[in-house]
Amino acid sequence: MDKHLYFIVSLKDAVRLNSELLRRGISRYYLQPHGEGVAFVFEKVSRFRRVTLQHLFRTDGELQ
């Protein structure tokens, strides 16, 4: 498991992505302000969950 996985998005995208995550039953994350956007931070992400999140956020993501 990776320590942290985070995605930085605009405020507009954050609203849409938050709804999509909740619809998929993904709730183990928190939000942090990041510049003019928002960072979705996921802790202790399994390989399967990481792939799912990367697909949802349409990115390779960044590991911390």
PDB file of N, CA and C in Angstrom:
ATOM      1  N   MET A   1       0.833  -1.186   0.000  1.00  0.00           N
ATOM      2  CA  MET A   1       0.000   0.000   0.000  1.00  0.00           C
ATOM      3  C   MET A   1       0.873   1.242   0.000  1.00  0.00           C
ATOM      4  N   ASP A   2       0.426   2.219  -0.757  1.00  0.00           N
ATOM      5  CA  ASP A   2       1.129   3.486  -0.803  1.00  0.00           C
ATOM      6  C   ASP A   2       0.711   4.324   0.389  1.00  0.00           C
ATOM      7  N   LYS A   3       1.608   5.206   0.825  1.00  0.00           N
ATOM      8  CA  LYS A   3       1.315   6.029   1.988  1.00  0.00           C
ATOM      9  C   LYS A   3       0.210   7.034   1.702  1.00  0.00           C
ATOM     10  N   HIS A   4       0.376   7.856   0.687  1.00  0.00           N
ATOM     11  CA  HIS A   4      -0.633   8.850   0.317  1.00  0.00           C
ATOM     12  C   HIS A   4      -0.733   8.917  -1.204  1.00  0.00           C
ATOM     13  N   LEU A   5      -1.920   9.169  -1.667  1.00  0.00           N
ATOM     14  CA  LEU A   5      -2.157   9.431  -3.079  1.00  0.00           C
ATOM     15  C   LEU A   5      -2.993  10.692  -3.126  1.00  0.00           C
ATOM     16  N   TYR A   6      -2.586  11.649  -3.932  1.00  0.00           N
ATOM     17  CA  TYR A   6      -3.368  12.878  -3.975  1.00  0.00           C
ATOM     18  C   TYR A   6      -3.528  13.381  -5.392  1.00  0.00           C
ATOM     19  N   PHE A   7      -4.633  14.072  -5.614  1.00  0.00           N
ATOM     20  CA  PHE A   7      -4.975  14.645  -6.899  1.00  0.00           C
ATOM     21  C   PHE A   7      -5.377  16.094  -6.671  1.00  0.00           C
ATOM     22  N   ILE A   8      -4.847  16.986  -7.480  1.00  0.00           N
ATOM     23  CA  ILE A   8      -5.166  18.403  -7.353  1.00  0.00           C
ATOM     24  C   ILE A   8      -6.084  18.787  -8.511  1.00  0.00           C
ATOM     25  N   VAL A   9      -7.225  19.377  -8.164  1.00  0.00           N
ATOM     26  CA  VAL A   9      -8.232  19.721  -9.170  1.00  0.00           C
ATOM     27  C   VAL A   9      -8.775  21.124  -8.910  1.00  0.00           C
ATOM     28  N   SER A  10      -9.503  21.651  -9.885  1.00  0.00           N
ATOM     29  CA  SER A  10     -10.151  22.947  -9.712  1.00  0.00           C
ATOM     30  C   SER A  10     -11.357  22.795  -8.780  1.00  0.00           C
ATOM     31  N   LEU A  11     -11.847  23.908  -8.265  1.00  0.00           N
ATOM     32  CA  LEU A  11     -13.026  23.863  -7.399  1.00  0.00           C
ATOM     33  C   LEU A  11     -14.233  23.293  -8.140  1.00  0.00           C
ATOM     34  N   LYS A  12     -14.392  23.663  -9.392  1.00  0.00           N
ATOM     35  CA  LYS A  12     -15.509  23.169 -10.201  1.00  0.00           C
ATOM     36  C   LYS A  12     -15.437  21.647 -10.334  1.00  0.00           C
ATOM     37  N   ASP A  13     -14.255  21.129 -10.637  1.00  0.00           N
ATOM     38  CA  ASP A  13     -14.095  19.676 -10.769  1.00  0.00           C
ATOM     39  C   ASP A  13     -14.239  18.970  -9.430  1.00  0.00           C
ATOM     40  N   ALA A  14     -13.855  19.642  -8.352  1.00  0.00           N
ATOM     41  CA  ALA A  14     -13.938  19.039  -7.022  1.00  0.00           C
ATOM     42  C   ALA A  14     -15.377  18.675  -6.668  1.00  0.00           C
ATOM     43  N   VAL A  15     -16.308  19.525  -7.017  1.00  0.00           N
ATOM     44  CA  VAL A  15     -17.722  19.258  -6.717  1.00  0.00           C
ATOM     45  C   VAL A  15     -18.183  18.010  -7.464  1.00  0.00           C
ATOM     46  N   ARG A  16     -17.854  17.943  -8.742  1.00  0.00           N
ATOM     47  CA  ARG A  16     -18.245  16.793  -9.567  1.00  0.00           C
ATOM     48  C   ARG A  16     -17.574  15.506  -9.076  1.00  0.00           C
ATOM     49  N   LEU A  17     -16.275  15.573  -8.805  1.00  0.00           N
ATOM     50  CA  LEU A  17     -15.537  14.387  -8.374  1.00  0.00           C
ATOM     51  C   LEU A  17     -15.979  13.914  -6.998  1.00  0.00           C
ATOM     52  N   ASN A  18     -16.287  14.834  -6.103  1.00  0.00           N
ATOM     53  CA  ASN A  18     -16.769  14.455  -4.780  1.00  0.00           C
ATOM     54  C   ASN A  18     -18.070  13.657  -4.904  1.00  0.00           C
ATOM     55  N   SER A  19     -18.974  14.116  -5.758  1.00  0.00           N
ATOM     56  CA  SER A  19     -20.241  13.404  -5.983  1.00  0.00           C
ATOM     57  C   SER A  19     -19.989  12.017  -6.571  1.00  0.00           C
ATOM     58  N   GLU A  20     -19.071  11.944  -7.513  1.00  0.00           N
ATOM     59  CA  GLU A  20     -18.762  10.654  -8.146  1.00  0.00           C
ATOM     60  C   GLU A  20     -18.132   9.677  -7.150  1.00  0.00           C
ATOM     61  N   LEU A  21     -17.238  10.172  -6.311  1.00  0.00           N
ATOM     62  CA  LEU A  21     -16.625   9.311  -5.296  1.00  0.00           C
ATOM     63  C   LEU A  21     -17.678   8.768  -4.335  1.00  0.00           C
ATOM     64  N   LEU A  22     -18.569   9.625  -3.887  1.00  0.00           N
ATOM     65  CA  LEU A  22     -19.631   9.194  -2.975  1.00  0.00           C
ATOM     66  C   LEU A  22     -20.555   8.196  -3.658  1.00  0.00           C
ATOM     67  N   ARG A  23     -20.857   8.417  -4.926  1.00  0.00           N
ATOM     68  CA  ARG A  23     -21.711   7.498  -5.683  1.00  0.00           C
ATOM     69  C   ARG A  23     -21.075   6.112  -5.771  1.00  0.00           C
ATOM     70  N   ARG A  24     -19.750   6.068  -5.847  1.00  0.00           N
ATOM     71  CA  ARG A  24     -19.017   4.797  -5.931  1.00  0.00           C
ATOM     72  C   ARG A  24     -18.708   4.205  -4.555  1.00  0.00           C
ATOM     73  N   GLY A  25     -19.146   4.881  -3.503  1.00  0.00           N
ATOM     74  CA  GLY A  25     -18.911   4.371  -2.154  1.00  0.00           C
ATOM     75  C   GLY A  25     -17.501   4.612  -1.633  1.00  0.00           C
ATOM     76  N   ILE A  26     -16.794   5.534  -2.249  1.00  0.00           N
ATOM     77  CA  ILE A  26     -15.429   5.870  -1.823  1.00  0.00           C
ATOM     78  C   ILE A  26     -15.525   7.074  -0.897  1.00  0.00           C
ATOM     79  N   SER A  27     -15.185   6.859   0.371  1.00  0.00           N
ATOM     80  CA  SER A  27     -15.330   7.944   1.342  1.00  0.00           C
ATOM     81  C   SER A  27     -14.102   8.130   2.222  1.00  0.00           C
ATOM     82  N   ARG A  28     -13.080   7.350   2.028  1.00  0.00           N
ATOM     83  CA  ARG A  28     -11.900   7.454   2.877  1.00  0.00           C
ATOM     84  C   ARG A  28     -10.869   8.395   2.255  1.00  0.00           C
ATOM     85  N   TYR A  29     -11.178   9.673   2.301  1.00  0.00           N
ATOM     86  CA  TYR A  29     -10.291  10.714   1.792  1.00  0.00           C
ATOM     87  C   TYR A  29     -10.628  12.019   2.489  1.00  0.00           C
ATOM     88  N   TYR A  30      -9.734  12.973   2.343  1.00  0.00           N
ATOM     89  CA  TYR A  30     -10.043  14.307   2.848  1.00  0.00           C
ATOM     90  C   TYR A  30      -9.607  15.326   1.816  1.00  0.00           C
ATOM     91  N   LEU A  31     -10.128  16.532   1.947  1.00  0.00           N
ATOM     92  CA  LEU A  31      -9.831  17.619   1.018  1.00  0.00           C
ATOM     93  C   LEU A  31      -8.939  18.646   1.693  1.00  0.00           C
ATOM     94  N   GLN A  32      -8.009  19.188   0.923  1.00  0.00           N
ATOM     95  CA  GLN A  32      -7.127  20.252   1.414  1.00  0.00           C
ATOM     96  C   GLN A  32      -7.088  21.356   0.370  1.00  0.00           C
ATOM     97  N   PRO A  33      -7.106  22.619   0.806  1.00  0.00           N
ATOM     98  CA  PRO A  33      -6.936  23.703  -0.162  1.00  0.00           C
ATOM     99  C   PRO A  33      -5.546  23.618  -0.788  1.00  0.00           C
ATOM    100  N   HIS A  34      -5.469  23.919  -2.058  1.00  0.00           N
ATOM    101  CA  HIS A  34      -4.180  23.903  -2.751  1.00  0.00           C
ATOM    102  C   HIS A  34      -4.200  25.006  -3.801  1.00  0.00           C
ATOM    103  N   GLY A  35      -3.618  26.154  -3.469  1.00  0.00           N
ATOM    104  CA  GLY A  35      -3.650  27.293  -4.389  1.00  0.00           C
ATOM    105  C   GLY A  35      -5.094  27.705  -4.624  1.00  0.00           C
ATOM    106  N   GLU A  36      -5.475  27.762  -5.893  1.00  0.00           N
ATOM    107  CA  GLU A  36      -6.854  28.100  -6.231  1.00  0.00           C
ATOM    108  C   GLU A  36      -7.699  26.856  -6.443  1.00  0.00           C
ATOM    109  N   GLY A  37      -7.141  25.701  -6.121  1.00  0.00           N
ATOM    110  CA  GLY A  37      -7.854  24.443  -6.298  1.00  0.00           C
ATOM    111  C   GLY A  37      -7.994  23.683  -5.001  1.00  0.00           C
ATOM    112  N   VAL A  38      -8.235  22.395  -5.162  1.00  0.00           N
ATOM    113  CA  VAL A  38      -8.445  21.507  -4.022  1.00  0.00           C
ATOM    114  C   VAL A  38      -7.640  20.235  -4.245  1.00  0.00           C
ATOM    115  N   ALA A  39      -7.034  19.722  -3.184  1.00  0.00           N
ATOM    116  CA  ALA A  39      -6.347  18.435  -3.255  1.00  0.00           C
ATOM    117  C   ALA A  39      -7.212  17.377  -2.578  1.00  0.00           C
ATOM    118  N   PHE A  40      -7.494  16.300  -3.306  1.00  0.00           N
ATOM    119  CA  PHE A  40      -8.127  15.119  -2.728  1.00  0.00           C
ATOM    120  C   PHE A  40      -6.995  14.242  -2.226  1.00  0.00           C
ATOM    121  N   VAL A  41      -6.991  13.927  -0.944  1.00  0.00           N
ATOM    122  CA  VAL A  41      -5.908  13.154  -0.347  1.00  0.00           C
ATOM    123  C   VAL A  41      -6.460  11.814   0.134  1.00  0.00           C
ATOM    124  N   PHE A  42      -5.853  10.741  -0.343  1.00  0.00           N
ATOM    125  CA  PHE A  42      -6.248   9.383   0.014  1.00  0.00           C
ATOM    126  C   PHE A  42      -5.086   8.744   0.759  1.00  0.00           C
ATOM    127  N   GLU A  43      -5.356   8.152   1.906  1.00  0.00           N
ATOM    128  CA  GLU A  43      -4.324   7.505   2.705  1.00  0.00           C
ATOM    129  C   GLU A  43      -4.419   5.997   2.562  1.00  0.00           C
ATOM    130  N   LYS A  44      -3.282   5.334   2.619  1.00  0.00           N
ATOM    131  CA  LYS A  44      -3.210   3.867   2.589  1.00  0.00           C
ATOM    132  C   LYS A  44      -4.056   3.287   1.459  1.00  0.00           C
ATOM    133  N   VAL A  45      -3.628   3.578   0.238  1.00  0.00           N
ATOM    134  CA  VAL A  45      -4.373   3.182  -0.957  1.00  0.00           C
ATOM    135  C   VAL A  45      -3.828   1.861  -1.493  1.00  0.00           C
ATOM    136  N   SER A  46      -4.715   0.894  -1.705  1.00  0.00           N
ATOM    137  CA  SER A  46      -4.315  -0.377  -2.303  1.00  0.00           C
ATOM    138  C   SER A  46      -4.042  -0.174  -3.790  1.00  0.00           C
ATOM    139  N   ARG A  47      -3.372  -1.129  -4.396  1.00  0.00           N
ATOM    140  CA  ARG A  47      -3.064  -1.044  -5.822  1.00  0.00           C
ATOM    141  C   ARG A  47      -4.347  -0.952  -6.650  1.00  0.00           C
ATOM    142  N   PHE A  48      -5.348  -1.755  -6.313  1.00  0.00           N
ATOM    143  CA  PHE A  48      -6.622  -1.730  -7.030  1.00  0.00           C
ATOM    144  C   PHE A  48      -7.304  -0.370  -6.895  1.00  0.00           C
ATOM    145  N   ARG A  49      -7.348   0.158  -5.675  1.00  0.00           N
ATOM    146  CA  ARG A  49      -8.000   1.450  -5.451  1.00  0.00           C
ATOM    147  C   ARG A  49      -7.243   2.553  -6.182  1.00  0.00           C
ATOM    148  N   ARG A  50      -5.897   2.468  -6.199  1.00  0.00           N
ATOM    149  CA  ARG A  50      -5.088   3.481  -6.890  1.00  0.00           C
ATOM    150  C   ARG A  50      -5.435   3.516  -8.382  1.00  0.00           C
ATOM    151  N   VAL A  51      -5.552   2.346  -8.994  1.00  0.00           N
ATOM    152  CA  VAL A  51      -5.899   2.284 -10.417  1.00  0.00           C
ATOM    153  C   VAL A  51      -7.295   2.862 -10.650  1.00  0.00           C
ATOM    154  N   THR A  52      -8.235   2.525  -9.772  1.00  0.00           N
ATOM    155  CA  THR A  52      -9.597   3.049  -9.874  1.00  0.00           C
ATOM    156  C   THR A  52      -9.601   4.570  -9.780  1.00  0.00           C
ATOM    157  N   LEU A  53      -8.886   5.111  -8.816  1.00  0.00           N
ATOM    158  CA  LEU A  53      -8.836   6.562  -8.625  1.00  0.00           C
ATOM    159  C   LEU A  53      -8.140   7.259  -9.794  1.00  0.00           C
ATOM    160  N   GLN A  54      -7.070   6.671 -10.280  1.00  0.00           N
ATOM    161  CA  GLN A  54      -6.371   7.270 -11.406  1.00  0.00           C
ATOM    162  C   GLN A  54      -7.273   7.333 -12.634  1.00  0.00           C
ATOM    163  N   HIS A  55      -8.077   6.303 -12.830  1.00  0.00           N
ATOM    164  CA  HIS A  55      -9.022   6.314 -13.947  1.00  0.00           C
ATOM    165  C   HIS A  55     -10.074   7.401 -13.732  1.00  0.00           C
ATOM    166  N   LEU A  56     -10.608   7.494 -12.526  1.00  0.00           N
ATOM    167  CA  LEU A  56     -11.637   8.487 -12.221  1.00  0.00           C
ATOM    168  C   LEU A  56     -11.105   9.915 -12.393  1.00  0.00           C
ATOM    169  N   PHE A  57      -9.891  10.164 -11.929  1.00  0.00           N
ATOM    170  CA  PHE A  57      -9.300  11.498 -12.014  1.00  0.00           C
ATOM    171  C   PHE A  57      -8.601  11.743 -13.356  1.00  0.00           C
ATOM    172  N   ARG A  58      -8.571  10.687 -14.203  1.00  0.00           N
ATOM    173  CA  ARG A  58      -7.960  10.772 -15.548  1.00  0.00           C
ATOM    174  C   ARG A  58      -6.514  11.256 -15.504  1.00  0.00           C
ATOM    175  N   THR A  59      -5.747  10.618 -14.622  1.00  0.00           N
ATOM    176  CA  THR A  59      -4.342  11.013 -14.467  1.00  0.00           C
ATOM    177  C   THR A  59      -3.551   9.841 -13.922  1.00  0.00           C
ATOM    178  N   ASP A  60      -2.242   9.987 -13.911  1.00  0.00           N
ATOM    179  CA  ASP A  60      -1.383   8.997 -13.278  1.00  0.00           C
ATOM    180  C   ASP A  60      -1.273   9.234 -11.783  1.00  0.00           C
ATOM    181  N   GLY A  61      -1.676  10.420 -11.319  1.00  0.00           N
ATOM    182  CA  GLY A  61      -1.601  10.745  -9.887  1.00  0.00           C
ATOM    183  C   GLY A  61      -0.174  11.021  -9.453  1.00  0.00           C
ATOM    184  N   GLU A  62      -0.031  11.445  -8.229  1.00  0.00           N
ATOM    185  CA  GLU A  62       1.271  11.724  -7.649  1.00  0.00           C
ATOM    186  C   GLU A  62       1.331  11.067  -6.291  1.00  0.00           C
ATOM    187  N   LEU A  63       2.406  10.373  -6.028  1.00  0.00           N
ATOM    188  CA  LEU A  63       2.574   9.728  -4.729  1.00  0.00           C
ATOM    189  C   LEU A  63       3.387  10.621  -3.819  1.00  0.00           C
ATOM    190  N   GLN A  64       3.020  10.610  -2.554  1.00  0.00           N
ATOM    191  CA  GLN A  64       3.751  11.407  -1.566  1.00  0.00           C
ATOM    192  C   GLN A  64       4.396  10.454  -0.585  1.00  0.00           C
TER     193      GLN A  64
END
